[in-house]
Amino acid sequence: MPLNPTRHISMAIARAPHDVYSFASNPANLPLWAAGVSDSIALLDGVWTTQSPMGAVTIEFTPANEFGILDHYVTLPTGETFANPLRVIANGSGSEVIFTLFRLPDVDDTAFEADAAAIATDLAALKARLTL
């Protein structure tokens, strides 16, 4: 299987890593900063579920940890699951939030750039939320 090209999209946030991690790791907070998640996110039978134009989408985060790892898995109504690596690391007295976007084989340049822009917008919204 060939390697997929990647892009690392990051945002510096003037808050301690623990604060950023605590907020971002709570799936109930996703509608406050992740545009792809609707206000209807709910914990249903132990699974975080939100409505999308495609139907119900589930989101599963890695277990809570002290390393700032916020990897999460998004499963579409088709059953297709996407891994989304996300990290919070120290940056001086604040944090750096880093998302790794994988370019899958069937994604063209336009769609890849749109995905990258959407992630950058979400990270900017996370920063705005945490620097109020």
C-alpha atoms as a PDB file:
ATOM      1  CA  MET A   1       0.000   0.000   0.000  1.00  0.00           C
ATOM      2  CA  PRO A   2       1.567   3.332  -1.017  1.00  0.00           C
ATOM      3  CA  LEU A   3       2.038   6.144   1.468  1.00  0.00           C
ATOM      4  CA  ASN A   4      -0.461   8.989   1.371  1.00  0.00           C
ATOM      5  CA  PRO A   5       0.796  12.565   1.107  1.00  0.00           C
ATOM      6  CA  THR A   6       0.152  14.557   4.274  1.00  0.00           C
ATOM      7  CA  ARG A   7      -0.160  18.142   5.406  1.00  0.00           C
ATOM      8  CA  HIS A   8       0.316  19.264   8.997  1.00  0.00           C
ATOM      9  CA  ILE A   9      -1.982  22.135   9.882  1.00  0.00           C
ATOM     10  CA  SER A  10      -1.257  23.875  13.166  1.00  0.00           C
ATOM     11  CA  MET A  11      -2.370  26.747  15.351  1.00  0.00           C
ATOM     12  CA  ALA A  12      -0.581  28.366  18.280  1.00  0.00           C
ATOM     13  CA  ILE A  13      -2.889  29.054  21.230  1.00  0.00           C
ATOM     14  CA  ALA A  14      -1.916  31.188  24.225  1.00  0.00           C
ATOM     15  CA  ARG A  15      -3.243  28.685  26.762  1.00  0.00           C
ATOM     16  CA  ALA A  16      -1.552  25.881  28.664  1.00  0.00           C
ATOM     17  CA  PRO A  17      -1.598  22.498  26.890  1.00  0.00           C
ATOM     18  CA  HIS A  18      -3.682  21.002  29.692  1.00  0.00           C
ATOM     19  CA  ASP A  19      -6.379  23.666  29.181  1.00  0.00           C
ATOM     20  CA  VAL A  20      -6.467  23.158  25.416  1.00  0.00           C
ATOM     21  CA  TYR A  21      -6.500  19.385  25.744  1.00  0.00           C
ATOM     22  CA  SER A  22      -9.246  19.442  28.392  1.00  0.00           C
ATOM     23  CA  PHE A  23     -11.515  21.553  26.207  1.00  0.00           C
ATOM     24  CA  ALA A  24     -10.786  19.914  22.859  1.00  0.00           C
ATOM     25  CA  SER A  25     -10.974  16.347  24.184  1.00  0.00           C
ATOM     26  CA  ASN A  26     -14.582  16.796  25.323  1.00  0.00           C
ATOM     27  CA  PRO A  27     -16.750  15.746  22.351  1.00  0.00           C
ATOM     28  CA  ALA A  28     -19.624  17.847  23.727  1.00  0.00           C
ATOM     29  CA  ASN A  29     -17.487  20.915  22.906  1.00  0.00           C
ATOM     30  CA  LEU A  30     -17.007  19.984  19.236  1.00  0.00           C
ATOM     31  CA  PRO A  31     -19.930  22.102  17.961  1.00  0.00           C
ATOM     32  CA  LEU A  32     -18.212  25.130  19.519  1.00  0.00           C
ATOM     33  CA  TRP A  33     -15.176  24.851  17.252  1.00  0.00           C
ATOM     34  CA  ALA A  34     -15.493  22.094  14.636  1.00  0.00           C
ATOM     35  CA  ALA A  35     -17.723  23.258  11.780  1.00  0.00           C
ATOM     36  CA  GLY A  36     -18.349  19.717  10.540  1.00  0.00           C
ATOM     37  CA  VAL A  37     -20.144  18.820  13.766  1.00  0.00           C
ATOM     38  CA  SER A  38     -23.703  19.962  14.241  1.00  0.00           C
ATOM     39  CA  ASP A  39     -25.237  21.243  17.458  1.00  0.00           C
ATOM     40  CA  SER A  40     -26.999  17.909  17.780  1.00  0.00           C
ATOM     41  CA  ILE A  41     -23.972  15.941  19.008  1.00  0.00           C
ATOM     42  CA  ALA A  42     -25.042  13.491  21.662  1.00  0.00           C
ATOM     43  CA  LEU A  43     -23.766  10.446  23.485  1.00  0.00           C
ATOM     44  CA  LEU A  44     -26.013   7.619  22.281  1.00  0.00           C
ATOM     45  CA  ASP A  45     -25.410   4.119  23.625  1.00  0.00           C
ATOM     46  CA  GLY A  46     -21.838   5.084  24.513  1.00  0.00           C
ATOM     47  CA  VAL A  47     -21.053   6.530  21.062  1.00  0.00           C
ATOM     48  CA  TRP A  48     -20.785  10.245  20.199  1.00  0.00           C
ATOM     49  CA  THR A  49     -23.127  10.847  17.278  1.00  0.00           C
ATOM     50  CA  THR A  50     -23.882  13.939  15.235  1.00  0.00           C
ATOM     51  CA  GLN A  51     -26.071  14.650  12.239  1.00  0.00           C
ATOM     52  CA  SER A  52     -24.524  15.580   8.909  1.00  0.00           C
ATOM     53  CA  PRO A  53     -25.978  16.105   5.439  1.00  0.00           C
ATOM     54  CA  MET A  54     -25.098  12.433   4.830  1.00  0.00           C
ATOM     55  CA  GLY A  55     -26.873  11.208   7.970  1.00  0.00           C
ATOM     56  CA  ALA A  56     -25.624  10.147  11.404  1.00  0.00           C
ATOM     57  CA  VAL A  57     -21.841  10.316  11.853  1.00  0.00           C
ATOM     58  CA  THR A  58     -20.024   8.858  14.854  1.00  0.00           C
ATOM     59  CA  ILE A  59     -16.869  10.250  16.445  1.00  0.00           C
ATOM     60  CA  GLU A  60     -14.578   8.268  18.728  1.00  0.00           C
ATOM     61  CA  PHE A  61     -11.593   9.831  20.502  1.00  0.00           C
ATOM     62  CA  THR A  62      -8.602   7.932  21.806  1.00  0.00           C
ATOM     63  CA  PRO A  63      -8.772   7.387  25.575  1.00  0.00           C
ATOM     64  CA  ALA A  64      -7.828  10.301  27.832  1.00  0.00           C
ATOM     65  CA  ASN A  65      -4.076  10.597  28.178  1.00  0.00           C
ATOM     66  CA  GLU A  66      -1.342  12.870  29.521  1.00  0.00           C
ATOM     67  CA  PHE A  67       0.412  13.222  26.160  1.00  0.00           C
ATOM     68  CA  GLY A  68      -1.999  15.592  24.384  1.00  0.00           C
ATOM     69  CA  ILE A  69      -3.109  12.963  21.879  1.00  0.00           C
ATOM     70  CA  LEU A  70      -6.574  13.762  20.524  1.00  0.00           C
ATOM     71  CA  ASP A  71      -6.680  11.292  17.658  1.00  0.00           C
ATOM     72  CA  HIS A  72     -10.242  10.588  16.659  1.00  0.00           C
ATOM     73  CA  TYR A  73     -12.060   8.330  14.264  1.00  0.00           C
ATOM     74  CA  VAL A  74     -15.007   9.550  12.227  1.00  0.00           C
ATOM     75  CA  THR A  75     -17.370   6.931  10.835  1.00  0.00           C
ATOM     76  CA  LEU A  76     -19.753   7.926   8.043  1.00  0.00           C
ATOM     77  CA  PRO A  77     -23.201   6.396   7.494  1.00  0.00           C
ATOM     78  CA  THR A  78     -21.601   4.256   4.765  1.00  0.00           C
ATOM     79  CA  GLY A  79     -19.461   2.580   7.433  1.00  0.00           C
ATOM     80  CA  GLU A  80     -16.289   4.181   6.081  1.00  0.00           C
ATOM     81  CA  THR A  81     -14.005   5.294   8.946  1.00  0.00           C
ATOM     82  CA  PHE A  82     -11.360   8.011   8.778  1.00  0.00           C
ATOM     83  CA  ALA A  83      -8.503   8.381  11.269  1.00  0.00           C
ATOM     84  CA  ASN A  84      -7.690  11.968  12.213  1.00  0.00           C
ATOM     85  CA  PRO A  85      -4.401  12.470  14.095  1.00  0.00           C
ATOM     86  CA  LEU A  86      -4.554  15.531  16.355  1.00  0.00           C
ATOM     87  CA  ARG A  87      -2.040  16.639  18.987  1.00  0.00           C
ATOM     88  CA  VAL A  88      -1.682  19.358  21.598  1.00  0.00           C
ATOM     89  CA  ILE A  89       1.943  20.093  22.476  1.00  0.00           C
ATOM     90  CA  ALA A  90       3.667  22.777  24.530  1.00  0.00           C
ATOM     91  CA  ASN A  91       4.776  25.895  22.681  1.00  0.00           C
ATOM     92  CA  GLY A  92       6.508  28.228  25.115  1.00  0.00           C
ATOM     93  CA  SER A  93       3.959  29.080  27.786  1.00  0.00           C
ATOM     94  CA  GLY A  94       1.122  28.114  25.435  1.00  0.00           C
ATOM     95  CA  SER A  95       0.199  25.323  23.076  1.00  0.00           C
ATOM     96  CA  GLU A  96       0.488  24.218  19.496  1.00  0.00           C
ATOM     97  CA  VAL A  97      -2.412  22.191  18.107  1.00  0.00           C
ATOM     98  CA  ILE A  98      -1.393  20.040  15.145  1.00  0.00           C
ATOM     99  CA  PHE A  99      -3.751  18.173  12.809  1.00  0.00           C
ATOM    100  CA  THR A 100      -2.364  15.734  10.240  1.00  0.00           C
ATOM    101  CA  LEU A 101      -4.423  15.660   7.051  1.00  0.00           C
ATOM    102  CA  PHE A 102      -3.907  12.608   4.855  1.00  0.00           C
ATOM    103  CA  ARG A 103      -4.569  12.963   1.149  1.00  0.00           C
ATOM    104  CA  LEU A 104      -6.381   9.810   0.130  1.00  0.00           C
ATOM    105  CA  PRO A 105      -5.915   8.427  -3.395  1.00  0.00           C
ATOM    106  CA  ASP A 106      -9.340   9.530  -4.695  1.00  0.00           C
ATOM    107  CA  VAL A 107      -9.028  13.144  -3.437  1.00  0.00           C
ATOM    108  CA  ASP A 108      -8.201  15.747  -6.074  1.00  0.00           C
ATOM    109  CA  ASP A 109      -6.236  18.962  -5.519  1.00  0.00           C
ATOM    110  CA  THR A 110      -9.348  21.100  -5.071  1.00  0.00           C
ATOM    111  CA  ALA A 111     -10.900  18.806  -2.465  1.00  0.00           C
ATOM    112  CA  PHE A 112      -7.595  18.441  -0.582  1.00  0.00           C
ATOM    113  CA  GLU A 113      -7.156  22.220  -0.402  1.00  0.00           C
ATOM    114  CA  ALA A 114     -10.772  22.604   0.739  1.00  0.00           C
ATOM    115  CA  ASP A 115     -10.218  20.025   3.505  1.00  0.00           C
ATOM    116  CA  ALA A 116      -7.031  21.815   4.621  1.00  0.00           C
ATOM    117  CA  ALA A 117      -8.823  25.180   4.665  1.00  0.00           C
ATOM    118  CA  ALA A 118     -11.718  23.745   6.693  1.00  0.00           C
ATOM    119  CA  ILE A 119      -9.295  22.309   9.263  1.00  0.00           C
ATOM    120  CA  ALA A 120      -7.438  25.623   9.513  1.00  0.00           C
ATOM    121  CA  THR A 121     -10.785  27.361  10.092  1.00  0.00           C
ATOM    122  CA  ASP A 122     -11.686  24.872  12.823  1.00  0.00           C
ATOM    123  CA  LEU A 123      -8.331  25.372  14.570  1.00  0.00           C
ATOM    124  CA  ALA A 124      -8.791  29.152  14.373  1.00  0.00           C
ATOM    125  CA  ALA A 125     -12.235  28.718  15.964  1.00  0.00           C
ATOM    126  CA  LEU A 126     -10.681  26.588  18.731  1.00  0.00           C
ATOM    127  CA  LYS A 127      -8.127  29.331  19.346  1.00  0.00           C
ATOM    128  CA  ALA A 128     -10.823  32.016  19.429  1.00  0.00           C
ATOM    129  CA  ARG A 129     -12.906  29.970  21.863  1.00  0.00           C
ATOM    130  CA  LEU A 130      -9.946  29.452  24.211  1.00  0.00           C
ATOM    131  CA  THR A 131      -8.640  33.004  24.144  1.00  0.00           C
ATOM    132  CA  LEU A 132     -11.890  34.754  25.098  1.00  0.00           C
END
